[in-house]
């Protein structure tokens, strides 16, 4: 059974701030999380409930609720030292 994908408002704004080509690639990966929320190359972030997947130089941070079949995208950002702070 497929998961439902929710994108938080802040993450939507972050996606819209990316170049158009990057927006398209990020959108494809987010859509694929509905079928497989733990794709090859994803990683569970230490000391949090967050997962991340790489899309070129961008990172998509999300949570997975297996019991509700829900994936929540909370952040889309360029990988930097502070990308995951405050999550």
N, C-alpha and C. Protein backbone atom coordinates (compact mmCIF):
# COMPACT_ATOMS: atom_id res chain seq x y z
N UNK A 1 0.84 -1.18 0.00
CA UNK A 1 0.00 0.00 0.00
C UNK A 1 0.88 1.25 0.00
N UNK A 2 0.52 2.22 -0.78
CA UNK A 2 1.31 3.44 -0.91
C UNK A 2 1.10 4.37 0.29
N UNK A 3 2.10 5.16 0.53
CA UNK A 3 2.04 6.16 1.60
C UNK A 3 1.47 7.46 1.04
N UNK A 4 0.88 8.25 1.90
CA UNK A 4 0.44 9.59 1.54
C UNK A 4 1.61 10.53 1.83
N UNK A 5 1.86 11.48 0.96
CA UNK A 5 2.97 12.42 1.15
C UNK A 5 2.39 13.81 1.41
N UNK A 6 2.79 14.40 2.53
CA UNK A 6 2.42 15.77 2.88
C UNK A 6 3.67 16.62 2.86
N UNK A 7 3.54 17.81 2.29
CA UNK A 7 4.68 18.74 2.24
C UNK A 7 4.32 19.95 3.09
N UNK A 8 5.09 20.19 4.14
CA UNK A 8 4.85 21.34 5.00
C UNK A 8 5.01 22.63 4.20
N UNK A 9 4.33 23.67 4.64
CA UNK A 9 4.34 24.95 3.94
C UNK A 9 5.76 25.50 3.80
N UNK A 10 6.57 25.38 4.84
CA UNK A 10 7.95 25.88 4.77
C UNK A 10 8.73 25.13 3.70
N UNK A 11 8.53 23.83 3.61
CA UNK A 11 9.23 23.03 2.60
C UNK A 11 8.75 23.41 1.20
N UNK A 12 7.47 23.74 1.03
CA UNK A 12 6.96 24.17 -0.27
C UNK A 12 7.65 25.46 -0.71
N UNK A 13 7.83 26.39 0.23
CA UNK A 13 8.51 27.64 -0.09
C UNK A 13 9.97 27.38 -0.47
N UNK A 14 10.60 26.44 0.24
CA UNK A 14 11.98 26.10 -0.06
C UNK A 14 12.10 25.50 -1.46
N UNK A 15 11.15 24.65 -1.82
CA UNK A 15 11.17 24.04 -3.16
C UNK A 15 11.02 25.12 -4.22
N UNK A 16 10.09 26.05 -4.01
CA UNK A 16 9.85 27.10 -5.00
C UNK A 16 11.03 28.05 -5.15
N UNK A 17 11.90 28.11 -4.16
CA UNK A 17 13.07 28.98 -4.25
C UNK A 17 14.22 28.34 -5.03
N UNK A 18 14.10 27.05 -5.37
CA UNK A 18 15.14 26.36 -6.11
C UNK A 18 15.04 26.67 -7.60
N UNK A 19 16.13 26.47 -8.35
CA UNK A 19 16.05 26.61 -9.80
C UNK A 19 15.04 25.59 -10.36
N UNK A 20 14.46 25.90 -11.50
CA UNK A 20 13.38 25.07 -12.06
C UNK A 20 13.80 23.62 -12.26
N UNK A 21 14.99 23.38 -12.76
CA UNK A 21 15.46 22.00 -12.98
C UNK A 21 15.53 21.25 -11.65
N UNK A 22 16.04 21.90 -10.62
CA UNK A 22 16.12 21.27 -9.30
C UNK A 22 14.74 21.03 -8.73
N UNK A 23 13.81 21.96 -8.95
CA UNK A 23 12.43 21.76 -8.49
C UNK A 23 11.85 20.48 -9.09
N UNK A 24 12.09 20.27 -10.39
CA UNK A 24 11.56 19.08 -11.05
C UNK A 24 12.16 17.80 -10.49
N UNK A 25 13.47 17.79 -10.27
CA UNK A 25 14.12 16.59 -9.72
C UNK A 25 13.65 16.32 -8.30
N UNK A 26 13.55 17.37 -7.48
CA UNK A 26 13.08 17.22 -6.10
C UNK A 26 11.64 16.70 -6.09
N UNK A 27 10.80 17.23 -6.96
CA UNK A 27 9.40 16.80 -7.03
C UNK A 27 9.30 15.31 -7.39
N UNK A 28 10.14 14.85 -8.32
CA UNK A 28 10.13 13.43 -8.68
C UNK A 28 10.50 12.54 -7.50
N UNK A 29 11.51 12.96 -6.75
CA UNK A 29 11.93 12.16 -5.59
C UNK A 29 10.85 12.17 -4.51
N UNK A 30 10.25 13.33 -4.26
CA UNK A 30 9.18 13.41 -3.26
C UNK A 30 8.02 12.51 -3.66
N UNK A 31 7.65 12.54 -4.95
CA UNK A 31 6.57 11.67 -5.42
C UNK A 31 6.91 10.19 -5.23
N UNK A 32 8.18 9.84 -5.44
CA UNK A 32 8.58 8.44 -5.30
C UNK A 32 8.56 7.97 -3.84
N UNK A 33 8.59 8.91 -2.89
CA UNK A 33 8.53 8.52 -1.48
C UNK A 33 7.19 7.88 -1.12
N UNK A 34 6.17 8.13 -1.90
CA UNK A 34 4.86 7.52 -1.66
C UNK A 34 4.93 6.00 -1.84
N UNK A 35 5.71 5.56 -2.80
CA UNK A 35 5.85 4.12 -3.05
C UNK A 35 6.92 3.48 -2.18
N UNK A 36 7.99 4.21 -1.93
CA UNK A 36 9.10 3.67 -1.14
C UNK A 36 9.68 4.78 -0.27
N UNK A 37 9.23 4.89 0.99
CA UNK A 37 9.71 5.97 1.84
C UNK A 37 11.17 5.80 2.32
N UNK A 38 11.73 4.63 2.06
CA UNK A 38 13.13 4.37 2.43
C UNK A 38 13.90 3.91 1.19
N UNK A 39 14.09 4.83 0.21
CA UNK A 39 14.78 4.43 -1.02
C UNK A 39 16.27 4.18 -0.78
N UNK A 40 16.89 3.56 -1.75
CA UNK A 40 18.33 3.33 -1.68
C UNK A 40 19.02 4.68 -1.53
N UNK A 41 19.92 4.79 -0.58
CA UNK A 41 20.65 6.02 -0.37
C UNK A 41 20.05 6.94 0.68
N UNK A 42 18.85 6.61 1.19
CA UNK A 42 18.29 7.45 2.25
C UNK A 42 19.04 7.17 3.55
N UNK A 43 18.90 8.07 4.48
CA UNK A 43 19.64 7.91 5.73
C UNK A 43 18.80 8.44 6.89
N UNK A 44 18.78 7.71 7.99
CA UNK A 44 18.11 8.16 9.21
C UNK A 44 19.08 9.09 9.92
N UNK A 45 18.59 10.26 10.29
CA UNK A 45 19.44 11.23 10.98
C UNK A 45 19.54 10.89 12.45
N UNK A 46 20.72 10.98 12.96
CA UNK A 46 21.00 10.65 14.36
C UNK A 46 20.19 11.50 15.33
N UNK A 47 19.70 10.89 16.38
CA UNK A 47 19.01 11.57 17.49
C UNK A 47 17.74 12.30 17.08
N UNK A 48 17.14 11.93 15.95
CA UNK A 48 15.88 12.54 15.51
C UNK A 48 15.01 11.46 14.88
N UNK A 49 13.79 11.83 14.54
CA UNK A 49 12.90 10.94 13.79
C UNK A 49 12.98 11.23 12.30
N UNK A 50 13.92 12.07 11.90
CA UNK A 50 14.01 12.49 10.51
C UNK A 50 14.83 11.53 9.65
N UNK A 51 14.43 11.46 8.40
CA UNK A 51 15.18 10.77 7.36
C UNK A 51 15.59 11.83 6.35
N UNK A 52 16.62 11.53 5.56
CA UNK A 52 16.99 12.44 4.50
C UNK A 52 17.37 11.64 3.27
N UNK A 53 17.08 12.26 2.14
CA UNK A 53 17.47 11.68 0.86
C UNK A 53 18.14 12.78 0.05
N UNK A 54 19.17 12.39 -0.69
CA UNK A 54 19.93 13.36 -1.48
C UNK A 54 19.36 13.46 -2.88
N UNK A 55 19.32 14.68 -3.39
CA UNK A 55 18.95 14.94 -4.78
C UNK A 55 20.01 15.91 -5.29
N UNK A 56 21.09 15.38 -5.82
CA UNK A 56 22.21 16.22 -6.24
C UNK A 56 22.77 16.95 -5.03
N UNK A 57 22.83 18.27 -5.11
CA UNK A 57 23.37 19.06 -4.01
C UNK A 57 22.31 19.44 -2.98
N UNK A 58 21.09 18.96 -3.16
CA UNK A 58 19.98 19.29 -2.26
C UNK A 58 19.65 18.10 -1.37
N UNK A 59 19.07 18.39 -0.21
CA UNK A 59 18.66 17.36 0.73
C UNK A 59 17.18 17.54 1.04
N UNK A 60 16.46 16.43 1.11
CA UNK A 60 15.05 16.44 1.48
C UNK A 60 14.96 15.78 2.85
N UNK A 61 14.48 16.53 3.83
CA UNK A 61 14.29 16.00 5.18
C UNK A 61 12.82 15.66 5.38
N UNK A 62 12.56 14.46 5.91
CA UNK A 62 11.17 14.03 6.07
C UNK A 62 11.04 13.04 7.22
N UNK A 63 9.80 12.87 7.66
CA UNK A 63 9.50 11.88 8.69
C UNK A 63 8.61 10.81 8.06
N UNK A 64 8.63 9.63 8.67
CA UNK A 64 7.82 8.52 8.19
C UNK A 64 6.95 8.04 9.34
N UNK A 65 5.65 7.98 9.11
CA UNK A 65 4.71 7.40 10.08
C UNK A 65 4.17 6.12 9.46
N UNK A 66 4.81 4.98 9.79
CA UNK A 66 4.41 3.71 9.20
C UNK A 66 2.99 3.30 9.57
N UNK A 67 2.60 3.56 10.82
CA UNK A 67 1.25 3.15 11.25
C UNK A 67 0.15 3.93 10.54
N UNK A 68 0.43 5.16 10.11
CA UNK A 68 -0.56 5.98 9.38
C UNK A 68 -0.29 6.00 7.87
N UNK A 69 0.77 5.32 7.43
CA UNK A 69 1.17 5.33 6.02
C UNK A 69 1.31 6.77 5.51
N UNK A 70 2.14 7.54 6.24
CA UNK A 70 2.28 8.96 5.95
C UNK A 70 3.75 9.37 5.93
N UNK A 71 4.13 10.13 4.93
CA UNK A 71 5.46 10.72 4.82
C UNK A 71 5.26 12.23 4.86
N UNK A 72 5.96 12.92 5.78
CA UNK A 72 5.86 14.37 5.89
C UNK A 72 7.20 14.99 5.52
N UNK A 73 7.21 15.76 4.45
CA UNK A 73 8.42 16.47 4.02
C UNK A 73 8.48 17.78 4.81
N UNK A 74 9.55 17.96 5.57
CA UNK A 74 9.65 19.13 6.44
C UNK A 74 10.71 20.14 6.00
N UNK A 75 11.66 19.71 5.15
CA UNK A 75 12.70 20.64 4.75
C UNK A 75 13.33 20.20 3.44
N UNK A 76 13.62 21.18 2.59
CA UNK A 76 14.37 20.97 1.36
C UNK A 76 15.42 22.07 1.32
N UNK A 77 16.69 21.67 1.30
CA UNK A 77 17.75 22.68 1.38
C UNK A 77 19.04 22.19 0.74
N UNK A 78 19.91 23.13 0.44
CA UNK A 78 21.25 22.82 -0.01
C UNK A 78 22.02 22.30 1.20
N UNK A 79 22.85 21.31 1.00
CA UNK A 79 23.61 20.75 2.10
C UNK A 79 24.64 21.75 2.57
N UNK A 80 24.49 22.16 3.82
CA UNK A 80 25.44 23.05 4.48
C UNK A 80 25.63 22.57 5.90
N UNK A 81 26.49 23.23 6.61
CA UNK A 81 26.77 22.85 7.99
C UNK A 81 25.52 22.92 8.87
N UNK A 82 24.62 23.88 8.59
CA UNK A 82 23.45 24.07 9.45
C UNK A 82 22.16 23.55 8.82
N UNK A 83 22.23 22.71 7.80
CA UNK A 83 21.03 22.21 7.12
C UNK A 83 20.07 21.51 8.06
N UNK A 84 20.59 20.72 8.97
CA UNK A 84 19.73 19.91 9.83
C UNK A 84 19.53 20.47 11.22
N UNK A 85 20.11 21.64 11.50
CA UNK A 85 19.94 22.23 12.84
C UNK A 85 18.52 22.73 13.02
N UNK A 86 18.00 22.55 14.20
CA UNK A 86 16.67 23.04 14.54
C UNK A 86 15.53 22.16 14.09
N UNK A 87 15.84 20.96 13.61
CA UNK A 87 14.76 20.06 13.18
C UNK A 87 14.45 19.02 14.21
